[in-house]
Amino acid sequence: MKEYDDTFLARWLNNDLSEIELDDFKNHPDFLLYNKIATKSQELVAPTYDKSALFTKVQGSIDNTRKKGKVRSLYSIITIAVAASVAILFGIFQFINSPTTYTTDFGEQMAVHLPDGSEVILNSKSEIAFNEKNWNVNRKVELIGEGFFKVKKGSKFTVETEKGNVAVLGTQFNVTTDKNLMEVSCYEGKVKVSSQKKVIFLTRGKAYRNINGTSEEWEFNDEEPSWKNGESSFVSIPLKYVIKAIENQYSVEIDAEKINIDHKFTGAFTHKNLSIALETVFKPLKINATIVDKNRITLVEE
């Protein structure tokens, strides 16, 4: 989404935008908020002052400045005033537009209720951010990690991630993001996924994944993500993402330098017992998982 800097806003406040720029600005989701702030700021009452006394004081300051060989032009004074106004405008906007953020720790899940009654359940080591005050204008959330969404019907609802966006009206779906990974599973309704300049529509029981620009789709029969019920499941995914999921659930560090982390894995592991989780994932792959101490595990191929 296009952002506007203080120079642009200063030109807008001074009515210096072209018709094209102004029309583009009016179509921005935050225009109404900017305009409201600007309108309210004009209602602020300036303190009364003695014009004659002020002129004498300013003239004296100018004379003193000239003696030092420095003359501040009226344009500079106006520029400073406009910059100060824009700074105040930005400050007010940032305060009003500051996001609400929720994060989860290792092995933790969290249910987050959005302003319209929609719900997000975050998996471990995940984060979600959204603007409560602007929610009625723009139903948008930013996601890091993994979350299961139950969206109330209404205007477009968008989940933004570093690897792509998911847009819906009312549905249930799961989004997983990580370095070079984006995965979306639709459990109800229909979702639109935009990733790597590609657009995919998913309906109930269909999933999509993009890893390093390579995409794939498949179907499933689950009613909801297995991780909600204490078990993480995977379909033909590189082992490095499974290892990351184990680390996030159990707050451990796994040394995988001696194995092939790009090996594809299909299966699941429990969130309730680390030893069982390690055996379930690595034993079928003929990989020995050794718990060195409470928080460190090494992997070695047999």
C-alpha atoms as a PDB file:
ATOM      1  CA  MET A   1       0.000   0.000   0.000  1.00  0.00           C
ATOM      2  CA  LYS A   2       1.299   3.453  -0.928  1.00  0.00           C
ATOM      3  CA  GLU A   3       2.615   5.575   1.933  1.00  0.00           C
ATOM      4  CA  TYR A   4       2.783   9.374   2.052  1.00  0.00           C
ATOM      5  CA  ASP A   5       5.704  11.274   3.592  1.00  0.00           C
ATOM      6  CA  ASP A   6       5.701  14.630   5.352  1.00  0.00           C
ATOM      7  CA  THR A   7       6.618  16.541   2.154  1.00  0.00           C
ATOM      8  CA  PHE A   8       3.565  15.158   0.373  1.00  0.00           C
ATOM      9  CA  LEU A   9       1.293  16.005   3.323  1.00  0.00           C
ATOM     10  CA  ALA A  10       2.726  19.522   3.498  1.00  0.00           C
ATOM     11  CA  ARG A  11       1.853  20.010  -0.186  1.00  0.00           C
ATOM     12  CA  TRP A  12      -1.635  18.656   0.448  1.00  0.00           C
ATOM     13  CA  LEU A  13      -2.192  21.015   3.395  1.00  0.00           C
ATOM     14  CA  ASN A  14      -0.998  23.903   1.186  1.00  0.00           C
ATOM     15  CA  ASN A  15      -3.304  22.857  -1.733  1.00  0.00           C
ATOM     16  CA  ASP A  16      -0.299  22.231  -4.002  1.00  0.00           C
ATOM     17  CA  LEU A  17      -1.253  18.737  -5.205  1.00  0.00           C
ATOM     18  CA  SER A  18      -2.156  18.092  -8.840  1.00  0.00           C
ATOM     19  CA  GLU A  19      -5.638  16.747  -9.625  1.00  0.00           C
ATOM     20  CA  ILE A  20      -4.191  13.299 -10.295  1.00  0.00           C
ATOM     21  CA  GLU A  21      -2.272  13.271  -7.003  1.00  0.00           C
ATOM     22  CA  LEU A  22      -5.318  14.489  -5.078  1.00  0.00           C
ATOM     23  CA  ASP A  23      -7.627  11.878  -6.636  1.00  0.00           C
ATOM     24  CA  ASP A  24      -5.094   9.144  -5.858  1.00  0.00           C
ATOM     25  CA  PHE A  25      -4.778  10.383  -2.265  1.00  0.00           C
ATOM     26  CA  LYS A  26      -8.577  10.453  -1.808  1.00  0.00           C
ATOM     27  CA  ASN A  27      -8.729   6.763  -2.771  1.00  0.00           C
ATOM     28  CA  HIS A  28      -6.236   5.833  -0.033  1.00  0.00           C
ATOM     29  CA  PRO A  29      -7.902   3.940   2.881  1.00  0.00           C
ATOM     30  CA  ASP A  30      -6.413   6.388   5.391  1.00  0.00           C
ATOM     31  CA  PHE A  31      -7.492   9.590   3.585  1.00  0.00           C
ATOM     32  CA  LEU A  32     -10.588  10.056   5.741  1.00  0.00           C
ATOM     33  CA  LEU A  33      -8.464   9.840   8.867  1.00  0.00           C
ATOM     34  CA  TYR A  34      -5.889  12.317   7.516  1.00  0.00           C
ATOM     35  CA  ASN A  35      -8.650  14.703   6.479  1.00  0.00           C
ATOM     36  CA  LYS A  36     -10.375  14.433   9.854  1.00  0.00           C
ATOM     37  CA  ILE A  37      -7.152  15.253  11.688  1.00  0.00           C
ATOM     38  CA  ALA A  38      -6.471  18.225   9.404  1.00  0.00           C
ATOM     39  CA  THR A  39     -10.016  19.531   9.867  1.00  0.00           C
ATOM     40  CA  LYS A  40      -9.852  19.224  13.645  1.00  0.00           C
ATOM     41  CA  SER A  41      -6.459  20.923  13.767  1.00  0.00           C
ATOM     42  CA  GLN A  42      -7.950  23.949  11.997  1.00  0.00           C
ATOM     43  CA  GLU A  43     -10.485  24.271  14.800  1.00  0.00           C
ATOM     44  CA  LEU A  44      -7.740  24.856  17.360  1.00  0.00           C
ATOM     45  CA  VAL A  45      -7.981  28.419  18.653  1.00  0.00           C
ATOM     46  CA  ALA A  46      -4.740  30.391  18.572  1.00  0.00           C
ATOM     47  CA  PRO A  47      -3.994  32.603  21.571  1.00  0.00           C
ATOM     48  CA  THR A  48      -4.714  36.342  21.238  1.00  0.00           C
ATOM     49  CA  TYR A  49      -1.763  38.655  20.796  1.00  0.00           C
ATOM     50  CA  ASP A  50      -0.824  42.361  20.454  1.00  0.00           C
ATOM     51  CA  LYS A  51       0.041  42.814  16.744  1.00  0.00           C
ATOM     52  CA  SER A  52       1.973  46.047  17.349  1.00  0.00           C
ATOM     53  CA  ALA A  53       4.055  44.537  20.141  1.00  0.00           C
ATOM     54  CA  LEU A  54       4.671  41.373  18.131  1.00  0.00           C
ATOM     55  CA  PHE A  55       5.833  43.402  15.108  1.00  0.00           C
ATOM     56  CA  THR A  56       8.228  45.421  17.254  1.00  0.00           C
ATOM     57  CA  LYS A  57       9.630  42.215  18.778  1.00  0.00           C
ATOM     58  CA  VAL A  58      10.053  40.526  15.391  1.00  0.00           C
ATOM     59  CA  GLN A  59      11.645  43.646  13.886  1.00  0.00           C
ATOM     60  CA  GLY A  60      14.101  43.764  16.778  1.00  0.00           C
ATOM     61  CA  SER A  61      14.992  40.115  16.238  1.00  0.00           C
ATOM     62  CA  ILE A  62      15.540  40.740  12.529  1.00  0.00           C
ATOM     63  CA  ASP A  63      17.814  43.720  13.269  1.00  0.00           C
ATOM     64  CA  ASN A  64      19.844  41.635  15.712  1.00  0.00           C
ATOM     65  CA  THR A  65      20.136  38.843  13.183  1.00  0.00           C
ATOM     66  CA  ARG A  66      21.275  41.210  10.450  1.00  0.00           C
ATOM     67  CA  LYS A  67      24.059  42.478  12.711  1.00  0.00           C
ATOM     68  CA  LYS A  68      25.360  38.899  12.798  1.00  0.00           C
ATOM     69  CA  GLY A  69      25.193  38.638   9.020  1.00  0.00           C
ATOM     70  CA  LYS A  70      22.296  36.163   9.049  1.00  0.00           C
ATOM     71  CA  VAL A  71      18.862  37.030   7.693  1.00  0.00           C
ATOM     72  CA  ARG A  72      16.029  34.545   8.012  1.00  0.00           C
ATOM     73  CA  SER A  73      13.565  34.993   5.166  1.00  0.00           C
ATOM     74  CA  LEU A  74       9.830  34.986   5.589  1.00  0.00           C
ATOM     75  CA  TYR A  75       9.826  31.871   3.387  1.00  0.00           C
ATOM     76  CA  SER A  76      12.042  30.053   5.896  1.00  0.00           C
ATOM     77  CA  ILE A  77       9.727  31.034   8.740  1.00  0.00           C
ATOM     78  CA  ILE A  78       6.710  29.783   6.792  1.00  0.00           C
ATOM     79  CA  THR A  79       8.575  26.593   5.910  1.00  0.00           C
ATOM     80  CA  ILE A  80       9.327  25.939   9.577  1.00  0.00           C
ATOM     81  CA  ALA A  81       5.695  26.615  10.485  1.00  0.00           C
ATOM     82  CA  VAL A  82       4.441  24.198   7.834  1.00  0.00           C
ATOM     83  CA  ALA A  83       7.003  21.579   8.903  1.00  0.00           C
ATOM     84  CA  ALA A  84       5.882  21.972  12.514  1.00  0.00           C
ATOM     85  CA  SER A  85       2.239  21.570  11.468  1.00  0.00           C
ATOM     86  CA  VAL A  86       3.067  18.437   9.498  1.00  0.00           C
ATOM     87  CA  ALA A  87       5.067  17.077  12.436  1.00  0.00           C
ATOM     88  CA  ILE A  88       2.061  17.607  14.713  1.00  0.00           C
ATOM     89  CA  LEU A  89      -0.212  16.028  12.109  1.00  0.00           C
ATOM     90  CA  PHE A  90       2.109  13.033  11.838  1.00  0.00           C
ATOM     91  CA  GLY A  91       2.328  12.744  15.600  1.00  0.00           C
ATOM     92  CA  ILE A  92      -1.444  12.735  15.995  1.00  0.00           C
ATOM     93  CA  PHE A  93      -1.835  10.298  13.112  1.00  0.00           C
ATOM     94  CA  GLN A  94       0.773   7.905  14.463  1.00  0.00           C
ATOM     95  CA  PHE A  95      -0.938   7.944  17.863  1.00  0.00           C
ATOM     96  CA  ILE A  96      -4.371   7.275  16.370  1.00  0.00           C
ATOM     97  CA  ASN A  97      -2.999   4.815  13.813  1.00  0.00           C
ATOM     98  CA  SER A  98      -0.783   2.811  16.194  1.00  0.00           C
ATOM     99  CA  PRO A  99      -1.442  -0.938  15.799  1.00  0.00           C
ATOM    100  CA  THR A 100      -2.643  -3.414  18.385  1.00  0.00           C
ATOM    101  CA  THR A 101      -0.212  -6.335  18.569  1.00  0.00           C
ATOM    102  CA  TYR A 102      -0.440  -9.834  20.061  1.00  0.00           C
ATOM    103  CA  THR A 103       2.419 -12.356  20.229  1.00  0.00           C
ATOM    104  CA  THR A 104       2.803 -15.923  21.443  1.00  0.00           C
ATOM    105  CA  ASP A 105       5.793 -17.586  23.087  1.00  0.00           C
ATOM    106  CA  PHE A 106       7.254 -21.080  22.703  1.00  0.00           C
ATOM    107  CA  GLY A 107       4.572 -23.767  22.885  1.00  0.00           C
ATOM    108  CA  GLU A 108       1.835 -21.169  23.406  1.00  0.00           C
ATOM    109  CA  GLN A 109      -1.464 -20.614  21.606  1.00  0.00           C
ATOM    110  CA  MET A 110      -3.616 -17.505  21.864  1.00  0.00           C
ATOM    111  CA  ALA A 111      -7.163 -16.623  20.735  1.00  0.00           C
ATOM    112  CA  VAL A 112      -7.471 -13.023  19.551  1.00  0.00           C
ATOM    113  CA  HIS A 113     -10.899 -11.451  19.011  1.00  0.00           C
ATOM    114  CA  LEU A 114     -10.947  -8.740  16.349  1.00  0.00           C
ATOM    115  CA  PRO A 115     -13.226  -5.653  16.532  1.00  0.00           C
ATOM    116  CA  ASP A 116     -15.887  -7.132  14.206  1.00  0.00           C
ATOM    117  CA  GLY A 117     -16.128 -10.444  16.080  1.00  0.00           C
ATOM    118  CA  SER A 118     -13.731 -12.306  13.789  1.00  0.00           C
ATOM    119  CA  GLU A 119     -11.270 -14.563  15.581  1.00  0.00           C
ATOM    120  CA  VAL A 120      -7.616 -15.471  15.115  1.00  0.00           C
ATOM    121  CA  ILE A 121      -5.937 -18.327  16.961  1.00  0.00           C
ATOM    122  CA  LEU A 122      -2.176 -17.884  16.926  1.00  0.00           C
ATOM    123  CA  ASN A 123       0.194 -20.832  16.994  1.00  0.00           C
ATOM    124  CA  SER A 124       3.463 -20.712  18.934  1.00  0.00           C
ATOM    125  CA  LYS A 125       6.053 -17.980  18.199  1.00  0.00           C
ATOM    126  CA  SER A 126       3.635 -15.980  16.087  1.00  0.00           C
ATOM    127  CA  GLU A 127       2.504 -12.372  15.951  1.00  0.00           C
ATOM    128  CA  ILE A 128      -0.497 -10.452  14.666  1.00  0.00           C
ATOM    129  CA  ALA A 129      -1.010  -6.683  14.373  1.00  0.00           C
ATOM    130  CA  PHE A 130      -4.056  -4.630  13.346  1.00  0.00           C
ATOM    131  CA  ASN A 131      -5.540  -1.152  13.709  1.00  0.00           C
ATOM    132  CA  GLU A 132      -8.565  -1.160  16.018  1.00  0.00           C
ATOM    133  CA  LYS A 133      -9.478   2.496  15.455  1.00  0.00           C
ATOM    134  CA  ASN A 134      -9.516   2.163  11.661  1.00  0.00           C
ATOM    135  CA  TRP A 135     -11.017  -1.333  11.557  1.00  0.00           C
ATOM    136  CA  ASN A 136     -14.414  -0.346  10.102  1.00  0.00           C
ATOM    137  CA  VAL A 137     -12.639   1.276   7.152  1.00  0.00           C
ATOM    138  CA  ASN A 138      -9.943  -1.342   6.598  1.00  0.00           C
ATOM    139  CA  ARG A 139     -10.161  -4.921   7.902  1.00  0.00           C
ATOM    140  CA  LYS A 140      -6.471  -5.741   7.630  1.00  0.00           C
ATOM    141  CA  VAL A 141      -4.102  -7.761   9.826  1.00  0.00           C
ATOM    142  CA  GLU A 142      -0.378  -8.396   9.565  1.00  0.00           C
ATOM    143  CA  LEU A 143       0.796 -11.904  10.419  1.00  0.00           C
ATOM    144  CA  ILE A 144       4.171 -13.367  11.316  1.00  0.00           C
ATOM    145  CA  GLY A 145       4.191 -17.113  11.980  1.00  0.00           C
ATOM    146  CA  GLU A 146       0.974 -19.115  11.881  1.00  0.00           C
ATOM    147  CA  GLY A 147      -2.659 -18.321  12.578  1.00  0.00           C
ATOM    148  CA  PHE A 148      -6.101 -19.862  12.066  1.00  0.00           C
ATOM    149  CA  PHE A 149      -8.737 -17.310  11.043  1.00  0.00           C
ATOM    150  CA  LYS A 150     -12.508 -17.341  11.493  1.00  0.00           C
ATOM    151  CA  VAL A 151     -13.691 -14.272   9.608  1.00  0.00           C
ATOM    152  CA  LYS A 152     -17.126 -12.693   9.990  1.00  0.00           C
ATOM    153  CA  LYS A 153     -18.859 -11.757   6.744  1.00  0.00           C
ATOM    154  CA  GLY A 154     -18.525  -8.128   5.730  1.00  0.00           C
ATOM    155  CA  SER A 155     -16.112  -5.978   3.763  1.00  0.00           C
ATOM    156  CA  LYS A 156     -12.867  -7.429   2.399  1.00  0.00           C
ATOM    157  CA  PHE A 157     -10.636  -8.947   5.068  1.00  0.00           C
ATOM    158  CA  THR A 158      -6.911  -9.103   4.272  1.00  0.00           C
ATOM    159  CA  VAL A 159      -4.066 -10.981   5.937  1.00  0.00           C
ATOM    160  CA  GLU A 160      -0.721  -9.469   4.980  1.00  0.00           C
ATOM    161  CA  THR A 161       2.531 -11.445   5.265  1.00  0.00           C
ATOM    162  CA  GLU A 162       6.065 -10.933   3.985  1.00  0.00           C
ATOM    163  CA  LYS A 163       5.493 -13.583   1.323  1.00  0.00           C
ATOM    164  CA  GLY A 164       2.016 -12.628   0.111  1.00  0.00           C
ATOM    165  CA  ASN A 165      -1.537 -11.691   1.052  1.00  0.00           C
ATOM    166  CA  VAL A 166      -4.782 -13.564   1.650  1.00  0.00           C
ATOM    167  CA  ALA A 167      -8.089 -11.780   0.955  1.00  0.00           C
ATOM    168  CA  VAL A 168     -11.564 -13.020   1.967  1.00  0.00           C
ATOM    169  CA  LEU A 169     -15.091 -11.860   2.809  1.00  0.00           C
ATOM    170  CA  GLY A 170     -16.167 -14.494   5.353  1.00  0.00           C
ATOM    171  CA  THR A 171     -14.483 -17.848   5.817  1.00  0.00           C
ATOM    172  CA  GLN A 172     -12.146 -20.014   7.890  1.00  0.00           C
ATOM    173  CA  PHE A 173      -8.556 -20.594   6.851  1.00  0.00           C
ATOM    174  CA  ASN A 174      -5.049 -21.205   8.147  1.00  0.00           C
ATOM    175  CA  VAL A 175      -1.953 -19.217   7.153  1.00  0.00           C
ATOM    176  CA  THR A 176       1.646 -20.261   7.811  1.00  0.00           C
ATOM    177  CA  THR A 177       4.588 -17.986   7.028  1.00  0.00           C
ATOM    178  CA  ASP A 178       8.321 -18.402   7.500  1.00  0.00           C
ATOM    179  CA  LYS A 179      11.482 -17.548   5.637  1.00  0.00           C
ATOM    180  CA  ASN A 180      10.773 -18.275   1.950  1.00  0.00           C
ATOM    181  CA  LEU A 181       7.530 -20.078   2.900  1.00  0.00           C
ATOM    182  CA  MET A 182       3.834 -19.253   2.624  1.00  0.00           C
ATOM    183  CA  GLU A 183       1.127 -21.880   3.117  1.00  0.00           C
ATOM    184  CA  VAL A 184      -2.649 -21.381   3.119  1.00  0.00           C
ATOM    185  CA  SER A 185      -5.373 -23.964   3.851  1.00  0.00           C
ATOM    186  CA  CYS A 186      -9.069 -23.151   3.382  1.00  0.00           C
ATOM    187  CA  TYR A 187     -11.513 -24.801   5.809  1.00  0.00           C
ATOM    188  CA  GLU A 188     -14.684 -22.911   4.882  1.00  0.00           C
ATOM    189  CA  GLY A 189     -15.780 -20.455   2.198  1.00  0.00           C
ATOM    190  CA  LYS A 190     -13.307 -19.150  -0.354  1.00  0.00           C
ATOM    191  CA  VAL A 191      -9.971 -17.335  -0.102  1.00  0.00           C
ATOM    192  CA  LYS A 192      -7.837 -15.409  -2.571  1.00  0.00           C
ATOM    193  CA  VAL A 193      -4.085 -15.858  -2.198  1.00  0.00           C
ATOM    194  CA  SER A 194      -1.648 -13.415  -3.814  1.00  0.00           C
ATOM    195  CA  SER A 195       1.960 -14.585  -3.698  1.00  0.00           C
ATOM    196  CA  GLN A 196       4.990 -14.229  -5.979  1.00  0.00           C
ATOM    197  CA  LYS A 197       2.906 -12.312  -8.582  1.00  0.00           C
ATOM    198  CA  LYS A 198       0.503 -15.248  -8.714  1.00  0.00           C
ATOM    199  CA  VAL A 199      -3.184 -15.321  -7.686  1.00  0.00           C
ATOM    200  CA  ILE A 200      -4.859 -18.537  -6.495  1.00  0.00           C
ATOM    201  CA  PHE A 201      -8.419 -19.119  -5.309  1.00  0.00           C
ATOM    202  CA  LEU A 202      -8.956 -21.817  -2.695  1.00  0.00           C
ATOM    203  CA  THR A 203     -12.222 -23.376  -1.583  1.00  0.00           C
ATOM    204  CA  ARG A 204     -12.954 -25.703   1.317  1.00  0.00           C
ATOM    205  CA  GLY A 205     -10.521 -28.618   1.573  1.00  0.00           C
ATOM    206  CA  LYS A 206      -7.860 -27.101  -0.670  1.00  0.00           C
ATOM    207  CA  ALA A 207      -4.374 -25.885   0.246  1.00  0.00           C
ATOM    208  CA  TYR A 208      -1.594 -23.930  -1.421  1.00  0.00           C
ATOM    209  CA  ARG A 209       2.098 -23.582  -0.652  1.00  0.00           C
ATOM    210  CA  ASN A 210       4.910 -21.462  -2.076  1.00  0.00           C
ATOM    211  CA  ILE A 211       8.548 -22.152  -1.162  1.00  0.00           C
ATOM    212  CA  ASN A 212      11.278 -20.101  -2.816  1.00  0.00           C
ATOM    213  CA  GLY A 213       9.004 -19.336  -5.748  1.00  0.00           C
ATOM    214  CA  THR A 214       7.940 -22.963  -6.287  1.00  0.00           C
ATOM    215  CA  SER A 215       4.229 -23.511  -5.660  1.00  0.00           C
ATOM    216  CA  GLU A 216       2.058 -26.572  -5.161  1.00  0.00           C
ATOM    217  CA  GLU A 217      -1.565 -27.338  -4.303  1.00  0.00           C
ATOM    218  CA  TRP A 218      -3.284 -30.287  -2.637  1.00  0.00           C
ATOM    219  CA  GLU A 219      -6.526 -31.325  -0.966  1.00  0.00           C
ATOM    220  CA  PHE A 220      -7.307 -32.359   2.612  1.00  0.00           C
ATOM    221  CA  ASN A 221     -10.262 -33.548   4.718  1.00  0.00           C
ATOM    222  CA  ASP A 222      -9.586 -31.978   8.141  1.00  0.00           C
ATOM    223  CA  GLU A 223     -12.180 -29.709   9.744  1.00  0.00           C
ATOM    224  CA  GLU A 224      -9.568 -27.490  11.388  1.00  0.00           C
ATOM    225  CA  PRO A 225      -5.755 -27.329  11.796  1.00  0.00           C
ATOM    226  CA  SER A 226      -4.371 -30.204  13.863  1.00  0.00           C
ATOM    227  CA  TRP A 227      -2.079 -27.849  15.837  1.00  0.00           C
ATOM    228  CA  LYS A 228      -5.143 -26.435  17.598  1.00  0.00           C
ATOM    229  CA  ASN A 229      -5.553 -29.838  19.246  1.00  0.00           C
ATOM    230  CA  GLY A 230      -1.935 -30.409  20.239  1.00  0.00           C
ATOM    231  CA  GLU A 231      -0.456 -31.958  17.113  1.00  0.00           C
ATOM    232  CA  SER A 232       1.417 -30.386  14.186  1.00  0.00           C
ATOM    233  CA  SER A 233       0.926 -32.109  10.833  1.00  0.00           C
ATOM    234  CA  PHE A 234       2.690 -31.642   7.496  1.00  0.00           C
ATOM    235  CA  VAL A 235       2.266 -32.650   3.858  1.00  0.00           C
ATOM    236  CA  SER A 236       5.454 -33.192   1.822  1.00  0.00           C
ATOM    237  CA  ILE A 237       7.317 -30.222   3.295  1.00  0.00           C
ATOM    238  CA  PRO A 238      11.102 -29.749   3.637  1.00  0.00           C
ATOM    239  CA  LEU A 239      12.342 -31.080   6.962  1.00  0.00           C
ATOM    240  CA  LYS A 240      13.794 -27.694   7.999  1.00  0.00           C
ATOM    241  CA  TYR A 241      10.285 -26.318   8.515  1.00  0.00           C
ATOM    242  CA  VAL A 242       9.331 -29.293  10.669  1.00  0.00           C
ATOM    243  CA  ILE A 243      12.462 -28.731  12.767  1.00  0.00           C
ATOM    244  CA  LYS A 244      11.516 -25.056  13.183  1.00  0.00           C
ATOM    245  CA  ALA A 245       8.032 -26.098  14.317  1.00  0.00           C
ATOM    246  CA  ILE A 246       9.494 -28.454  16.959  1.00  0.00           C
ATOM    247  CA  GLU A 247      11.769 -25.664  18.213  1.00  0.00           C
ATOM    248  CA  ASN A 248       8.790 -23.301  18.483  1.00  0.00           C
ATOM    249  CA  GLN A 249       6.663 -25.800  20.390  1.00  0.00           C
ATOM    250  CA  TYR A 250       9.271 -27.035  22.861  1.00  0.00           C
ATOM    251  CA  SER A 251      11.610 -24.027  23.212  1.00  0.00           C
ATOM    252  CA  VAL A 252      14.675 -26.005  22.132  1.00  0.00           C
ATOM    253  CA  GLU A 253      17.578 -25.546  19.744  1.00  0.00           C
ATOM    254  CA  ILE A 254      18.129 -28.309  17.202  1.00  0.00           C
ATOM    255  CA  ASP A 255      21.524 -28.777  15.550  1.00  0.00           C
ATOM    256  CA  ALA A 256      20.742 -30.089  12.064  1.00  0.00           C
ATOM    257  CA  GLU A 257      24.067 -29.412  10.334  1.00  0.00           C
ATOM    258  CA  LYS A 258      24.768 -33.128   9.783  1.00  0.00           C
ATOM    259  CA  ILE A 259      21.489 -34.027   8.056  1.00  0.00           C
ATOM    260  CA  ASN A 260      19.678 -33.143   4.848  1.00  0.00           C
ATOM    261  CA  ILE A 261      17.166 -30.492   5.954  1.00  0.00           C
ATOM    262  CA  ASP A 262      15.597 -30.359   2.476  1.00  0.00           C
ATOM    263  CA  HIS A 263      14.344 -33.934   2.749  1.00  0.00           C
ATOM    264  CA  LYS A 264      10.522 -33.955   2.333  1.00  0.00           C
ATOM    265  CA  PHE A 265       8.454 -34.968   5.338  1.00  0.00           C
ATOM    266  CA  THR A 266       4.812 -36.028   5.596  1.00  0.00           C
ATOM    267  CA  GLY A 267       3.467 -36.772   9.047  1.00  0.00           C
ATOM    268  CA  ALA A 268       2.846 -35.215  12.445  1.00  0.00           C
ATOM    269  CA  PHE A 269       4.279 -34.755  15.933  1.00  0.00           C
ATOM    270  CA  THR A 270       2.697 -34.287  19.335  1.00  0.00           C
ATOM    271  CA  HIS A 271       2.994 -31.111  21.414  1.00  0.00           C
ATOM    272  CA  LYS A 272       2.841 -33.022  24.708  1.00  0.00           C
ATOM    273  CA  ASN A 273       6.043 -35.059  24.790  1.00  0.00           C
ATOM    274  CA  LEU A 274       9.379 -34.006  23.228  1.00  0.00           C
ATOM    275  CA  SER A 275      10.896 -37.486  23.149  1.00  0.00           C
ATOM    276  CA  ILE A 276       7.883 -38.931  21.363  1.00  0.00           C
ATOM    277  CA  ALA A 277       7.818 -35.997  18.950  1.00  0.00           C
ATOM    278  CA  LEU A 278      11.475 -36.509  18.025  1.00  0.00           C
ATOM    279  CA  GLU A 279      11.051 -40.250  17.547  1.00  0.00           C
ATOM    280  CA  THR A 280       7.914 -39.806  15.415  1.00  0.00           C
ATOM    281  CA  VAL A 281       9.573 -37.363  13.039  1.00  0.00           C
ATOM    282  CA  PHE A 282      13.164 -38.586  12.768  1.00  0.00           C
ATOM    283  CA  LYS A 283      13.120 -42.363  13.296  1.00  0.00           C
ATOM    284  CA  PRO A 284      11.303 -43.106   9.969  1.00  0.00           C
ATOM    285  CA  LEU A 285      13.944 -40.954   8.244  1.00  0.00           C
ATOM    286  CA  LYS A 286      16.770 -42.931   9.925  1.00  0.00           C
ATOM    287  CA  ILE A 287      17.980 -39.893  11.829  1.00  0.00           C
ATOM    288  CA  ASN A 288      19.172 -40.140  15.432  1.00  0.00           C
ATOM    289  CA  ALA A 289      17.920 -37.313  17.648  1.00  0.00           C
ATOM    290  CA  THR A 290      19.948 -36.911  20.839  1.00  0.00           C
ATOM    291  CA  ILE A 291      18.837 -34.654  23.672  1.00  0.00           C
ATOM    292  CA  VAL A 292      22.159 -33.147  24.793  1.00  0.00           C
ATOM    293  CA  ASP A 293      20.645 -31.134  27.598  1.00  0.00           C
ATOM    294  CA  LYS A 294      17.313 -29.538  28.470  1.00  0.00           C
ATOM    295  CA  ASN A 295      17.323 -27.077  25.558  1.00  0.00           C
ATOM    296  CA  ARG A 296      19.649 -28.588  22.940  1.00  0.00           C
ATOM    297  CA  ILE A 297      19.237 -31.477  20.498  1.00  0.00           C
ATOM    298  CA  THR A 298      21.584 -32.839  17.849  1.00  0.00           C
ATOM    299  CA  LEU A 299      20.563 -34.728  14.714  1.00  0.00           C
ATOM    300  CA  VAL A 300      22.789 -37.289  12.998  1.00  0.00           C
ATOM    301  CA  GLU A 301      21.909 -39.616  10.123  1.00  0.00           C
ATOM    302  CA  GLU A 302      22.306 -43.336  10.860  1.00  0.00           C
END
